[in-house]
Amino acid sequence: KVFGNYFDLIVLDAPCSGEGMFRKDPAAIQYWHEAYPVECA
């Protein structure tokens, strides 16, 4: 509402299922289920 057509560059490191962080954060495995990626999408 404030920044309409304003930014030259937008970076979105989006909230996601976090599969790539399983090694660093094994607790993330507990949140994962088969439908989780679709929900995140």
Full PDB file with SEQRES, HELIX, SHEET, SSBOND, CRYST1, ORIGX, SCALE, CONECT and MASTER records, all heavy atoms in Angstrom:
SEQRES   1 A   41  LYS VAL PHE GLY ASN TYR PHE ASP LEU ILE VAL LEU ASP          
SEQRES   2 A   41  ALA PRO CYS SER GLY GLU GLY MET PHE ARG LYS ASP PRO          
SEQRES   3 A   41  ALA ALA ILE GLN TYR TRP HIS GLU ALA TYR PRO VAL GLU          
SEQRES   4 A   41  CYS ALA                                                      
HELIX    1 AA1 GLU A   19  MET A   21  5                                   3    
HELIX    2 AA2 PRO A   26  TYR A   31  5                                   6    
HELIX    3 AA3 TYR A   36  CYS A   40  1                                   5    
CRYST1    1.000    1.000    1.000  90.00  90.00  90.00 P 1           1          
ORIGX1      1.000000  0.000000  0.000000        0.00000                         
ORIGX2      0.000000  1.000000  0.000000        0.00000                         
ORIGX3      0.000000  0.000000  1.000000        0.00000                         
SCALE1      1.000000  0.000000  0.000000        0.00000                         
SCALE2      0.000000  1.000000  0.000000        0.00000                         
SCALE3      0.000000  0.000000  1.000000        0.00000                         
ATOM      1  N   LYS A   1       0.823  -1.212   0.000  1.00  0.00           N  
ATOM      2  CA  LYS A   1       0.000   0.000   0.000  1.00  0.00           C  
ATOM      3  C   LYS A   1       0.857   1.263   0.000  1.00  0.00           C  
ATOM      4  O   LYS A   1       0.430   2.324  -0.451  1.00  0.00           O  
ATOM      5  CB  LYS A   1      -0.921   0.005   1.225  1.00  0.00           C  
ATOM      6  CG  LYS A   1      -1.981  -1.088   1.205  1.00  0.00           C  
ATOM      7  CD  LYS A   1      -2.758  -1.109   2.521  1.00  0.00           C  
ATOM      8  CE  LYS A   1      -3.759  -2.266   2.549  1.00  0.00           C  
ATOM      9  NZ  LYS A   1      -4.428  -2.358   3.874  1.00  0.00           N  
ATOM     10  N   VAL A   2       2.080   1.153   0.491  1.00  0.00           N  
ATOM     11  CA  VAL A   2       2.975   2.308   0.629  1.00  0.00           C  
ATOM     12  C   VAL A   2       4.003   2.363  -0.495  1.00  0.00           C  
ATOM     13  O   VAL A   2       4.356   3.448  -0.975  1.00  0.00           O  
ATOM     14  CB  VAL A   2       3.682   2.273   2.008  1.00  0.00           C  
ATOM     15  CG1 VAL A   2       4.722   3.380   2.114  1.00  0.00           C  
ATOM     16  CG2 VAL A   2       2.660   2.390   3.131  1.00  0.00           C  
ATOM     17  N   PHE A   3       4.480   1.198  -0.945  1.00  0.00           N  
ATOM     18  CA  PHE A   3       5.596   1.146  -1.893  1.00  0.00           C  
ATOM     19  C   PHE A   3       5.170   0.648  -3.273  1.00  0.00           C  
ATOM     20  O   PHE A   3       5.841  -0.173  -3.892  1.00  0.00           O  
ATOM     21  CB  PHE A   3       6.699   0.236  -1.341  1.00  0.00           C  
ATOM     22  CG  PHE A   3       7.405   0.770  -0.129  1.00  0.00           C  
ATOM     23  CD1 PHE A   3       7.128   0.260   1.125  1.00  0.00           C  
ATOM     24  CD2 PHE A   3       8.338   1.790  -0.246  1.00  0.00           C  
ATOM     25  CE1 PHE A   3       7.784   0.743   2.257  1.00  0.00           C  
ATOM     26  CE2 PHE A   3       8.989   2.286   0.872  1.00  0.00           C  
ATOM     27  CZ  PHE A   3       8.713   1.758   2.128  1.00  0.00           C  
ATOM     28  N   GLY A   4       4.069   1.143  -3.790  1.00  0.00           N  
ATOM     29  CA  GLY A   4       3.604   0.720  -5.102  1.00  0.00           C  
ATOM     30  C   GLY A   4       4.587   1.065  -6.215  1.00  0.00           C  
ATOM     31  O   GLY A   4       5.008   2.219  -6.347  1.00  0.00           O  
ATOM     32  N   ASN A   5       4.988   0.051  -7.009  1.00  0.00           N  
ATOM     33  CA  ASN A   5       5.887   0.235  -8.163  1.00  0.00           C  
ATOM     34  C   ASN A   5       7.151   1.018  -7.794  1.00  0.00           C  
ATOM     35  O   ASN A   5       7.626   1.869  -8.542  1.00  0.00           O  
ATOM     36  CB  ASN A   5       5.159   0.961  -9.301  1.00  0.00           C  
ATOM     37  CG  ASN A   5       3.912   0.228  -9.749  1.00  0.00           C  
ATOM     38  OD1 ASN A   5       3.957  -0.938 -10.100  1.00  0.00           O  
ATOM     39  ND2 ASN A   5       2.777   0.914  -9.690  1.00  0.00           N  
ATOM     40  N   TYR A   6       7.720   0.722  -6.657  1.00  0.00           N  
ATOM     41  CA  TYR A   6       8.781   1.545  -6.086  1.00  0.00           C  
ATOM     42  C   TYR A   6      10.181   0.954  -6.227  1.00  0.00           C  
ATOM     43  O   TYR A   6      11.145   1.667  -6.512  1.00  0.00           O  
ATOM     44  CB  TYR A   6       8.473   1.775  -4.599  1.00  0.00           C  
ATOM     45  CG  TYR A   6       9.467   2.628  -3.861  1.00  0.00           C  
ATOM     46  CD1 TYR A   6       9.398   4.013  -3.922  1.00  0.00           C  
ATOM     47  CD2 TYR A   6      10.461   2.054  -3.085  1.00  0.00           C  
ATOM     48  CE1 TYR A   6      10.310   4.806  -3.234  1.00  0.00           C  
ATOM     49  CE2 TYR A   6      11.370   2.837  -2.387  1.00  0.00           C  
ATOM     50  CZ  TYR A   6      11.289   4.207  -2.459  1.00  0.00           C  
ATOM     51  OH  TYR A   6      12.198   4.982  -1.767  1.00  0.00           O  
ATOM     52  N   PHE A   7      10.344  -0.354  -6.052  1.00  0.00           N  
ATOM     53  CA  PHE A   7      11.669  -0.947  -5.887  1.00  0.00           C  
ATOM     54  C   PHE A   7      12.289  -1.393  -7.204  1.00  0.00           C  
ATOM     55  O   PHE A   7      11.663  -2.054  -8.028  1.00  0.00           O  
ATOM     56  CB  PHE A   7      11.598  -2.138  -4.924  1.00  0.00           C  
ATOM     57  CG  PHE A   7      11.247  -1.748  -3.522  1.00  0.00           C  
ATOM     58  CD1 PHE A   7       9.977  -1.988  -3.012  1.00  0.00           C  
ATOM     59  CD2 PHE A   7      12.176  -1.124  -2.710  1.00  0.00           C  
ATOM     60  CE1 PHE A   7       9.641  -1.615  -1.714  1.00  0.00           C  
ATOM     61  CE2 PHE A   7      11.854  -0.748  -1.413  1.00  0.00           C  
ATOM     62  CZ  PHE A   7      10.593  -0.996  -0.914  1.00  0.00           C  
ATOM     63  N   ASP A   8      13.576  -1.074  -7.368  1.00  0.00           N  
ATOM     64  CA  ASP A   8      14.352  -1.536  -8.521  1.00  0.00           C  
ATOM     65  C   ASP A   8      14.692  -3.020  -8.404  1.00  0.00           C  
ATOM     66  O   ASP A   8      14.881  -3.703  -9.411  1.00  0.00           O  
ATOM     67  CB  ASP A   8      15.666  -0.752  -8.632  1.00  0.00           C  
ATOM     68  CG  ASP A   8      15.450   0.747  -8.677  1.00  0.00           C  
ATOM     69  OD1 ASP A   8      14.641   1.195  -9.504  1.00  0.00           O  
ATOM     70  OD2 ASP A   8      16.090   1.473  -7.880  1.00  0.00           O  
ATOM     71  N   LEU A   9      14.790  -3.492  -7.172  1.00  0.00           N  
ATOM     72  CA  LEU A   9      15.150  -4.878  -6.913  1.00  0.00           C  
ATOM     73  C   LEU A   9      14.398  -5.355  -5.678  1.00  0.00           C  
ATOM     74  O   LEU A   9      14.379  -4.672  -4.656  1.00  0.00           O  
ATOM     75  CB  LEU A   9      16.661  -5.010  -6.688  1.00  0.00           C  
ATOM     76  CG  LEU A   9      17.184  -6.361  -6.170  1.00  0.00           C  
ATOM     77  CD1 LEU A   9      16.968  -7.456  -7.209  1.00  0.00           C  
ATOM     78  CD2 LEU A   9      18.672  -6.260  -5.796  1.00  0.00           C  
ATOM     79  N   ILE A  10      13.779  -6.531  -5.806  1.00  0.00           N  
ATOM     80  CA  ILE A  10      13.132  -7.174  -4.660  1.00  0.00           C  
ATOM     81  C   ILE A  10      13.743  -8.555  -4.487  1.00  0.00           C  
ATOM     82  O   ILE A  10      13.848  -9.327  -5.439  1.00  0.00           O  
ATOM     83  CB  ILE A  10      11.604  -7.293  -4.849  1.00  0.00           C  
ATOM     84  CG1 ILE A  10      10.972  -5.899  -4.924  1.00  0.00           C  
ATOM     85  CG2 ILE A  10      10.976  -8.099  -3.713  1.00  0.00           C  
ATOM     86  CD1 ILE A  10       9.478  -5.916  -5.204  1.00  0.00           C  
ATOM     87  N   VAL A  11      14.166  -8.845  -3.267  1.00  0.00           N  
ATOM     88  CA  VAL A  11      14.674 -10.166  -2.917  1.00  0.00           C  
ATOM     89  C   VAL A  11      13.680 -10.807  -1.956  1.00  0.00           C  
ATOM     90  O   VAL A  11      13.364 -10.247  -0.908  1.00  0.00           O  
ATOM     91  CB  VAL A  11      16.070 -10.089  -2.267  1.00  0.00           C  
ATOM     92  CG1 VAL A  11      16.516 -11.476  -1.783  1.00  0.00           C  
ATOM     93  CG2 VAL A  11      17.093  -9.526  -3.253  1.00  0.00           C  
ATOM     94  N   LEU A  12      13.172 -11.972  -2.340  1.00  0.00           N  
ATOM     95  CA  LEU A  12      12.281 -12.734  -1.467  1.00  0.00           C  
ATOM     96  C   LEU A  12      12.902 -14.103  -1.219  1.00  0.00           C  
ATOM     97  O   LEU A  12      12.864 -14.980  -2.084  1.00  0.00           O  
ATOM     98  CB  LEU A  12      10.894 -12.886  -2.086  1.00  0.00           C  
ATOM     99  CG  LEU A  12       9.943 -13.825  -1.308  1.00  0.00           C  
ATOM    100  CD1 LEU A  12       9.722 -13.342   0.120  1.00  0.00           C  
ATOM    101  CD2 LEU A  12       8.627 -14.001  -2.044  1.00  0.00           C  
ATOM    102  N   ASP A  13      13.505 -14.257  -0.059  1.00  0.00           N  
ATOM    103  CA  ASP A  13      13.935 -15.571   0.414  1.00  0.00           C  
ATOM    104  C   ASP A  13      12.744 -16.115   1.189  1.00  0.00           C  
ATOM    105  O   ASP A  13      12.588 -15.856   2.374  1.00  0.00           O  
ATOM    106  CB  ASP A  13      15.182 -15.441   1.283  1.00  0.00           C  
ATOM    107  CG  ASP A  13      15.776 -16.790   1.634  1.00  0.00           C  
ATOM    108  OD1 ASP A  13      15.834 -17.664   0.764  1.00  0.00           O  
ATOM    109  OD2 ASP A  13      16.178 -16.981   2.797  1.00  0.00           O  
ATOM    110  N   ALA A  14      11.905 -16.863   0.490  1.00  0.00           N  
ATOM    111  CA  ALA A  14      10.549 -17.129   0.954  1.00  0.00           C  
ATOM    112  C   ALA A  14      10.493 -18.144   2.098  1.00  0.00           C  
ATOM    113  O   ALA A  14      11.323 -19.072   2.160  1.00  0.00           O  
ATOM    114  CB  ALA A  14       9.704 -17.634  -0.218  1.00  0.00           C  
ATOM    115  N   PRO A  15       9.516 -18.002   3.002  1.00  0.00           N  
ATOM    116  CA  PRO A  15       9.248 -19.068   3.969  1.00  0.00           C  
ATOM    117  C   PRO A  15       8.964 -20.358   3.212  1.00  0.00           C  
ATOM    118  O   PRO A  15       8.235 -20.359   2.224  1.00  0.00           O  
ATOM    119  CB  PRO A  15       7.989 -18.563   4.700  1.00  0.00           C  
ATOM    120  CG  PRO A  15       7.895 -17.104   4.381  1.00  0.00           C  
ATOM    121  CD  PRO A  15       8.550 -16.896   3.067  1.00  0.00           C  
ATOM    122  N   CYS A  16       9.570 -21.459   3.653  1.00  0.00           N  
ATOM    123  CA  CYS A  16       9.482 -22.691   2.869  1.00  0.00           C  
ATOM    124  C   CYS A  16       9.530 -23.911   3.780  1.00  0.00           C  
ATOM    125  O   CYS A  16       9.608 -23.789   5.008  1.00  0.00           O  
ATOM    126  CB  CYS A  16      10.613 -22.740   1.830  1.00  0.00           C  
ATOM    127  SG  CYS A  16      12.262 -22.958   2.556  1.00  0.00           S  
ATOM    128  N   SER A  17       9.526 -25.074   3.164  1.00  0.00           N  
ATOM    129  CA  SER A  17       9.538 -26.331   3.920  1.00  0.00           C  
ATOM    130  C   SER A  17      10.887 -26.625   4.553  1.00  0.00           C  
ATOM    131  O   SER A  17      10.993 -27.542   5.372  1.00  0.00           O  
ATOM    132  CB  SER A  17       9.108 -27.491   3.019  1.00  0.00           C  
ATOM    133  OG  SER A  17       9.955 -27.581   1.880  1.00  0.00           O  
ATOM    134  N   GLY A  18      11.938 -25.897   4.182  1.00  0.00           N  
ATOM    135  CA  GLY A  18      13.220 -25.962   4.874  1.00  0.00           C  
ATOM    136  C   GLY A  18      14.015 -27.239   4.718  1.00  0.00           C  
ATOM    137  O   GLY A  18      14.865 -27.561   5.553  1.00  0.00           O  
ATOM    138  N   GLU A  19      13.785 -27.974   3.616  1.00  0.00           N  
ATOM    139  CA  GLU A  19      14.502 -29.235   3.419  1.00  0.00           C  
ATOM    140  C   GLU A  19      16.014 -29.038   3.389  1.00  0.00           C  
ATOM    141  O   GLU A  19      16.775 -29.882   3.847  1.00  0.00           O  
ATOM    142  CB  GLU A  19      14.037 -29.889   2.121  1.00  0.00           C  
ATOM    143  CG  GLU A  19      12.565 -30.293   2.139  1.00  0.00           C  
ATOM    144  CD  GLU A  19      12.060 -30.716   0.768  1.00  0.00           C  
ATOM    145  OE1 GLU A  19      12.811 -30.586  -0.219  1.00  0.00           O  
ATOM    146  OE2 GLU A  19      10.904 -31.169   0.677  1.00  0.00           O  
ATOM    147  N   GLY A  20      16.441 -27.918   2.834  1.00  0.00           N  
ATOM    148  CA  GLY A  20      17.869 -27.646   2.709  1.00  0.00           C  
ATOM    149  C   GLY A  20      18.572 -27.349   4.010  1.00  0.00           C  
ATOM    150  O   GLY A  20      19.802 -27.247   4.044  1.00  0.00           O  
ATOM    151  N   MET A  21      17.806 -27.190   5.092  1.00  0.00           N  
ATOM    152  CA  MET A  21      18.365 -26.899   6.403  1.00  0.00           C  
ATOM    153  C   MET A  21      18.354 -28.100   7.335  1.00  0.00           C  
ATOM    154  O   MET A  21      18.681 -27.966   8.513  1.00  0.00           O  
ATOM    155  CB  MET A  21      17.586 -25.743   7.049  1.00  0.00           C  
ATOM    156  CG  MET A  21      17.796 -24.390   6.374  1.00  0.00           C  
ATOM    157  SD  MET A  21      19.488 -23.722   6.592  1.00  0.00           S  
ATOM    158  CE  MET A  21      20.174 -24.037   4.958  1.00  0.00           C  
ATOM    159  N   PHE A  22      17.979 -29.269   6.823  1.00  0.00           N  
ATOM    160  CA  PHE A  22      17.884 -30.453   7.682  1.00  0.00           C  
ATOM    161  C   PHE A  22      19.192 -30.753   8.410  1.00  0.00           C  
ATOM    162  O   PHE A  22      19.188 -31.169   9.569  1.00  0.00           O  
ATOM    163  CB  PHE A  22      17.461 -31.673   6.865  1.00  0.00           C  
ATOM    164  CG  PHE A  22      15.985 -31.724   6.525  1.00  0.00           C  
ATOM    165  CD1 PHE A  22      15.116 -30.725   6.916  1.00  0.00           C  
ATOM    166  CD2 PHE A  22      15.458 -32.786   5.799  1.00  0.00           C  
ATOM    167  CE1 PHE A  22      13.753 -30.770   6.590  1.00  0.00           C  
ATOM    168  CE2 PHE A  22      14.108 -32.853   5.480  1.00  0.00           C  
ATOM    169  CZ  PHE A  22      13.267 -31.844   5.874  1.00  0.00           C  
ATOM    170  N   ARG A  23      20.333 -30.579   7.740  1.00  0.00           N  
ATOM    171  CA  ARG A  23      21.620 -30.869   8.386  1.00  0.00           C  
ATOM    172  C   ARG A  23      21.913 -29.881   9.508  1.00  0.00           C  
ATOM    173  O   ARG A  23      22.409 -30.262  10.561  1.00  0.00           O  
ATOM    174  CB  ARG A  23      22.766 -30.846   7.371  1.00  0.00           C  
ATOM    175  CG  ARG A  23      22.779 -31.983   6.410  1.00  0.00           C  
ATOM    176  CD  ARG A  23      24.107 -32.176   5.743  1.00  0.00           C  
ATOM    177  NE  ARG A  23      24.692 -30.950   5.166  1.00  0.00           N  
ATOM    178  CZ  ARG A  23      25.751 -30.965   4.370  1.00  0.00           C  
ATOM    179  NH1 ARG A  23      26.323 -32.121   4.057  1.00  0.00           N  
ATOM    180  NH2 ARG A  23      26.241 -29.830   3.869  1.00  0.00           N  
ATOM    181  N   LYS A  24      21.653 -28.602   9.268  1.00  0.00           N  
ATOM    182  CA  LYS A  24      21.950 -27.574  10.263  1.00  0.00           C  
ATOM    183  C   LYS A  24      20.925 -27.558  11.386  1.00  0.00           C  
ATOM    184  O   LYS A  24      21.230 -27.196  12.515  1.00  0.00           O  
ATOM    185  CB  LYS A  24      22.013 -26.190   9.604  1.00  0.00           C  
ATOM    186  CG  LYS A  24      23.241 -25.955   8.765  1.00  0.00           C  
ATOM    187  CD  LYS A  24      23.343 -24.521   8.311  1.00  0.00           C  
ATOM    188  CE  LYS A  24      23.762 -23.618   9.463  1.00  0.00           C  
ATOM    189  NZ  LYS A  24      24.016 -22.228   9.015  1.00  0.00           N  
ATOM    190  N   ASP A  25      19.689 -27.909  11.043  1.00  0.00           N  
ATOM    191  CA  ASP A  25      18.604 -27.849  12.018  1.00  0.00           C  
ATOM    192  C   ASP A  25      17.749 -29.110  11.898  1.00  0.00           C  
ATOM    193  O   ASP A  25      16.682 -29.093  11.284  1.00  0.00           O  
ATOM    194  CB  ASP A  25      17.763 -26.589  11.791  1.00  0.00           C  
ATOM    195  CG  ASP A  25      16.654 -26.429  12.809  1.00  0.00           C  
ATOM    196  OD1 ASP A  25      16.739 -27.076  13.878  1.00  0.00           O  
ATOM    197  OD2 ASP A  25      15.701 -25.664  12.550  1.00  0.00           O  
ATOM    198  N   PRO A  26      18.208 -30.209  12.483  1.00  0.00           N  
ATOM    199  CA  PRO A  26      17.455 -31.468  12.385  1.00  0.00           C  
ATOM    200  C   PRO A  26      16.020 -31.374  12.892  1.00  0.00           C  
ATOM    201  O   PRO A  26      15.170 -32.164  12.474  1.00  0.00           O  
ATOM    202  CB  PRO A  26      18.286 -32.438  13.247  1.00  0.00           C  
ATOM    203  CG  PRO A  26      19.673 -31.863  13.237  1.00  0.00           C  
ATOM    204  CD  PRO A  26      19.477 -30.381  13.210  1.00  0.00           C  
ATOM    205  N   ALA A  27      15.742 -30.399  13.771  1.00  0.00           N  
ATOM    206  CA  ALA A  27      14.378 -30.227  14.275  1.00  0.00           C  
ATOM    207  C   ALA A  27      13.397 -29.902  13.153  1.00  0.00           C  
ATOM    208  O   ALA A  27      12.192 -30.178  13.255  1.00  0.00           O  
ATOM    209  CB  ALA A  27      14.342 -29.128  15.333  1.00  0.00           C  
ATOM    210  N   ALA A  28      13.914 -29.314  12.043  1.00  0.00           N  
ATOM    211  CA  ALA A  28      13.052 -28.967  10.908  1.00  0.00           C  
ATOM    212  C   ALA A  28      12.418 -30.207  10.276  1.00  0.00           C  
ATOM    213  O   ALA A  28      11.365 -30.115   9.630  1.00  0.00           O  
ATOM    214  CB  ALA A  28      13.852 -28.190   9.858  1.00  0.00           C  
ATOM    215  N   ILE A  29      13.048 -31.360  10.471  1.00  0.00           N  
ATOM    216  CA  ILE A  29      12.519 -32.612   9.931  1.00  0.00           C  
ATOM    217  C   ILE A  29      11.146 -32.913  10.535  1.00  0.00           C  
ATOM    218  O   ILE A  29      10.265 -33.469   9.872  1.00  0.00           O  
ATOM    219  CB  ILE A  29      13.497 -33.778  10.197  1.00  0.00           C  
ATOM    220  CG1 ILE A  29      14.834 -33.505   9.488  1.00  0.00           C  
ATOM    221  CG2 ILE A  29      12.917 -35.113   9.728  1.00  0.00           C  
ATOM    222  CD1 ILE A  29      15.927 -34.504   9.842  1.00  0.00           C  
ATOM    223  N   GLN A  30      10.971 -32.533  11.801  1.00  0.00           N  
ATOM    224  CA  GLN A  30       9.724 -32.825  12.499  1.00  0.00           C  
ATOM    225  C   GLN A  30       8.534 -32.087  11.894  1.00  0.00           C  
ATOM    226  O   GLN A  30       7.385 -32.533  12.010  1.00  0.00           O  
ATOM    227  CB  GLN A  30       9.851 -32.465  13.991  1.00  0.00           C  
ATOM    228  CG  GLN A  30      11.045 -33.108  14.691  1.00  0.00           C  
ATOM    229  CD  GLN A  30      11.076 -34.612  14.550  1.00  0.00           C  
ATOM    230  OE1 GLN A  30      10.068 -35.285  14.732  1.00  0.00           O  
ATOM    231  NE2 GLN A  30      12.240 -35.172  14.212  1.00  0.00           N  
ATOM    232  N   TYR A  31       8.804 -30.930  11.258  1.00  0.00           N  
ATOM    233  CA  TYR A  31       7.725 -30.149  10.662  1.00  0.00           C  
ATOM    234  C   TYR A  31       7.344 -30.655   9.268  1.00  0.00           C  
ATOM    235  O   TYR A  31       6.277 -30.327   8.761  1.00  0.00           O  
ATOM    236  CB  TYR A  31       8.131 -28.672  10.552  1.00  0.00           C  
ATOM    237  CG  TYR A  31       8.366 -28.007  11.890  1.00  0.00           C  
ATOM    238  CD1 TYR A  31       9.660 -27.810  12.363  1.00  0.00           C  
ATOM    239  CD2 TYR A  31       7.308 -27.577  12.671  1.00  0.00           C  
ATOM    240  CE1 TYR A  31       9.888 -27.197  13.584  1.00  0.00           C  
ATOM    241  CE2 TYR A  31       7.523 -26.962  13.898  1.00  0.00           C  
ATOM    242  CZ  TYR A  31       8.818 -26.781  14.346  1.00  0.00           C  
ATOM    243  OH  TYR A  31       9.047 -26.186  15.556  1.00  0.00           O  
ATOM    244  N   TRP A  32       8.225 -31.439   8.672  1.00  0.00           N  
ATOM    245  CA  TRP A  32       8.023 -31.855   7.287  1.00  0.00           C  
ATOM    246  C   TRP A  32       6.996 -32.983   7.188  1.00  0.00           C  
ATOM    247  O   TRP A  32       7.008 -33.942   7.958  1.00  0.00           O  
ATOM    248  CB  TRP A  32       9.355 -32.327   6.693  1.00  0.00           C  
ATOM    249  CG  TRP A  32       9.309 -32.482   5.185  1.00  0.00           C  
ATOM    250  CD1 TRP A  32       9.653 -31.553   4.259  1.00  0.00           C  
ATOM    251  CD2 TRP A  32       8.891 -33.637   4.450  1.00  0.00           C  
ATOM    252  NE1 TRP A  32       9.486 -32.041   2.992  1.00  0.00           N  
ATOM    253  CE2 TRP A  32       9.004 -33.330   3.076  1.00  0.00           C  
ATOM    254  CE3 TRP A  32       8.420 -34.907   4.812  1.00  0.00           C  
ATOM    255  CZ2 TRP A  32       8.675 -34.234   2.066  1.00  0.00           C  
ATOM    256  CZ3 TRP A  32       8.072 -35.803   3.797  1.00  0.00           C  
ATOM    257  CH2 TRP A  32       8.208 -35.459   2.452  1.00  0.00           C  
ATOM    258  N   HIS A  33       6.085 -32.854   6.229  1.00  0.00           N  
ATOM    259  CA  HIS A  33       5.206 -33.955   5.860  1.00  0.00           C  
ATOM    260  C   HIS A  33       4.953 -33.863   4.364  1.00  0.00           C  
ATOM    261  O   HIS A  33       5.298 -32.855   3.727  1.00  0.00           O  
ATOM    262  CB  HIS A  33       3.888 -33.930   6.660  1.00  0.00           C  
ATOM    263  CG  HIS A  33       3.146 -32.620   6.589  1.00  0.00           C  
ATOM    264  ND1 HIS A  33       2.239 -32.334   5.600  1.00  0.00           N  
ATOM    265  CD2 HIS A  33       3.203 -31.516   7.384  1.00  0.00           C  
ATOM    266  CE1 HIS A  33       1.751 -31.118   5.792  1.00  0.00           C  
ATOM    267  NE2 HIS A  33       2.314 -30.601   6.865  1.00  0.00           N  
ATOM    268  N   GLU A  34       4.389 -34.868   3.779  1.00  0.00           N  
ATOM    269  CA  GLU A  34       4.305 -34.982   2.333  1.00  0.00           C  
ATOM    270  C   GLU A  34       3.601 -33.787   1.679  1.00  0.00           C  
ATOM    271  O   GLU A  34       3.986 -33.338   0.601  1.00  0.00           O  
ATOM    272  CB  GLU A  34       3.588 -36.278   1.952  1.00  0.00           C  
ATOM    273  CG  GLU A  34       3.685 -36.612   0.476  1.00  0.00           C  
ATOM    274  CD  GLU A  34       3.067 -37.965   0.148  1.00  0.00           C  
ATOM    275  OE1 GLU A  34       2.448 -38.589   1.049  1.00  0.00           O  
ATOM    276  OE2 GLU A  34       3.200 -38.410  -1.008  1.00  0.00           O  
ATOM    277  N   ALA A  35       2.580 -33.257   2.350  1.00  0.00           N  
ATOM    278  CA  ALA A  35       1.820 -32.144   1.778  1.00  0.00           C  
ATOM    279  C   ALA A  35       2.407 -30.770   2.118  1.00  0.00           C  
ATOM    280  O   ALA A  35       1.920 -29.749   1.619  1.00  0.00           O  
ATOM    281  CB  ALA A  35       0.366 -32.211   2.256  1.00  0.00           C  
ATOM    282  N   TYR A  36       3.450 -30.741   2.967  1.00  0.00           N  
ATOM    283  CA  TYR A  36       3.983 -29.465   3.443  1.00  0.00           C  
ATOM    284  C   TYR A  36       4.480 -28.559   2.305  1.00  0.00           C  
ATOM    285  O   TYR A  36       4.177 -27.356   2.289  1.00  0.00           O  
ATOM    286  CB  TYR A  36       5.088 -29.721   4.460  1.00  0.00           C  
ATOM    287  CG  TYR A  36       5.502 -28.528   5.277  1.00  0.00           C  
ATOM    288  CD1 TYR A  36       4.620 -27.490   5.563  1.00  0.00           C  
ATOM    289  CD2 TYR A  36       6.799 -28.443   5.797  1.00  0.00           C  
ATOM    290  CE1 TYR A  36       5.010 -26.397   6.332  1.00  0.00           C  
ATOM    291  CE2 TYR A  36       7.203 -27.359   6.559  1.00  0.00           C  
ATOM    292  CZ  TYR A  36       6.315 -26.341   6.808  1.00  0.00           C  
ATOM    293  OH  TYR A  36       6.714 -25.263   7.570  1.00  0.00           O  
ATOM    294  N   PRO A  37       5.235 -29.078   1.325  1.00  0.00           N  
ATOM    295  CA  PRO A  37       5.684 -28.207   0.235  1.00  0.00           C  
ATOM    296  C   PRO A  37       4.542 -27.529  -0.526  1.00  0.00           C  
ATOM    297  O   PRO A  37       4.655 -26.356  -0.891  1.00  0.00           O  
ATOM    298  CB  PRO A  37       6.468 -29.158  -0.677  1.00  0.00           C  
ATOM    299  CG  PRO A  37       6.977 -30.217   0.245  1.00  0.00           C  
ATOM    300  CD  PRO A  37       5.859 -30.426   1.224  1.00  0.00           C  
ATOM    301  N   VAL A  38       3.453 -28.249  -0.761  1.00  0.00           N  
ATOM    302  CA  VAL A  38       2.306 -27.658  -1.462  1.00  0.00           C  
ATOM    303  C   VAL A  38       1.677 -26.549  -0.621  1.00  0.00           C  
ATOM    304  O   VAL A  38       1.306 -25.488  -1.131  1.00  0.00           O  
ATOM    305  CB  VAL A  38       1.260 -28.734  -1.814  1.00  0.00           C  
ATOM    306  CG1 VAL A  38      -0.003 -28.095  -2.392  1.00  0.00           C  
ATOM    307  CG2 VAL A  38       1.837 -29.726  -2.809  1.00  0.00           C  
ATOM    308  N   GLU A  39       1.593 -26.788   0.685  1.00  0.00           N  
ATOM    309  CA  GLU A  39       1.057 -25.766   1.588  1.00  0.00           C  
ATOM    310  C   GLU A  39       1.938 -24.518   1.561  1.00  0.00           C  
ATOM    311  O   GLU A  39       1.432 -23.390   1.521  1.00  0.00           O  
ATOM    312  CB  GLU A  39       0.962 -26.320   3.012  1.00  0.00           C  
ATOM    313  CG  GLU A  39      -0.055 -27.442   3.174  1.00  0.00           C  
ATOM    314  CD  GLU A  39       0.038 -28.108   4.540  1.00  0.00           C  
ATOM    315  OE1 GLU A  39       0.826 -27.627   5.396  1.00  0.00           O  
ATOM    316  OE2 GLU A  39      -0.666 -29.116   4.756  1.00  0.00           O  
ATOM    317  N   CYS A  40       3.249 -24.713   1.600  1.00  0.00           N  
ATOM    318  CA  CYS A  40       4.182 -23.585   1.556  1.00  0.00           C  
ATOM    319  C   CYS A  40       4.072 -22.827   0.234  1.00  0.00           C  
ATOM    320  O   CYS A  40       4.151 -21.597   0.202  1.00  0.00           O  
ATOM    321  CB  CYS A  40       5.616 -24.074   1.750  1.00  0.00           C  
ATOM    322  SG  CYS A  40       5.981 -24.667   3.423  1.00  0.00           S  
ATOM    323  N   ALA A  41       3.882 -23.558  -0.865  1.00  0.00           N  
ATOM    324  CA  ALA A  41       3.787 -22.925  -2.187  1.00  0.00           C  
ATOM    325  C   ALA A  41       2.615 -21.958  -2.271  1.00  0.00           C  
ATOM    326  O   ALA A  41       2.714 -20.903  -2.916  1.00  0.00           O  
ATOM    327  CB  ALA A  41       3.671 -24.000  -3.270  1.00  0.00           C  
TER     328      ALA A  41                                                      
MASTER        0    0    0    3    0    0    0    6  327    1    0    4          
END                                                                             
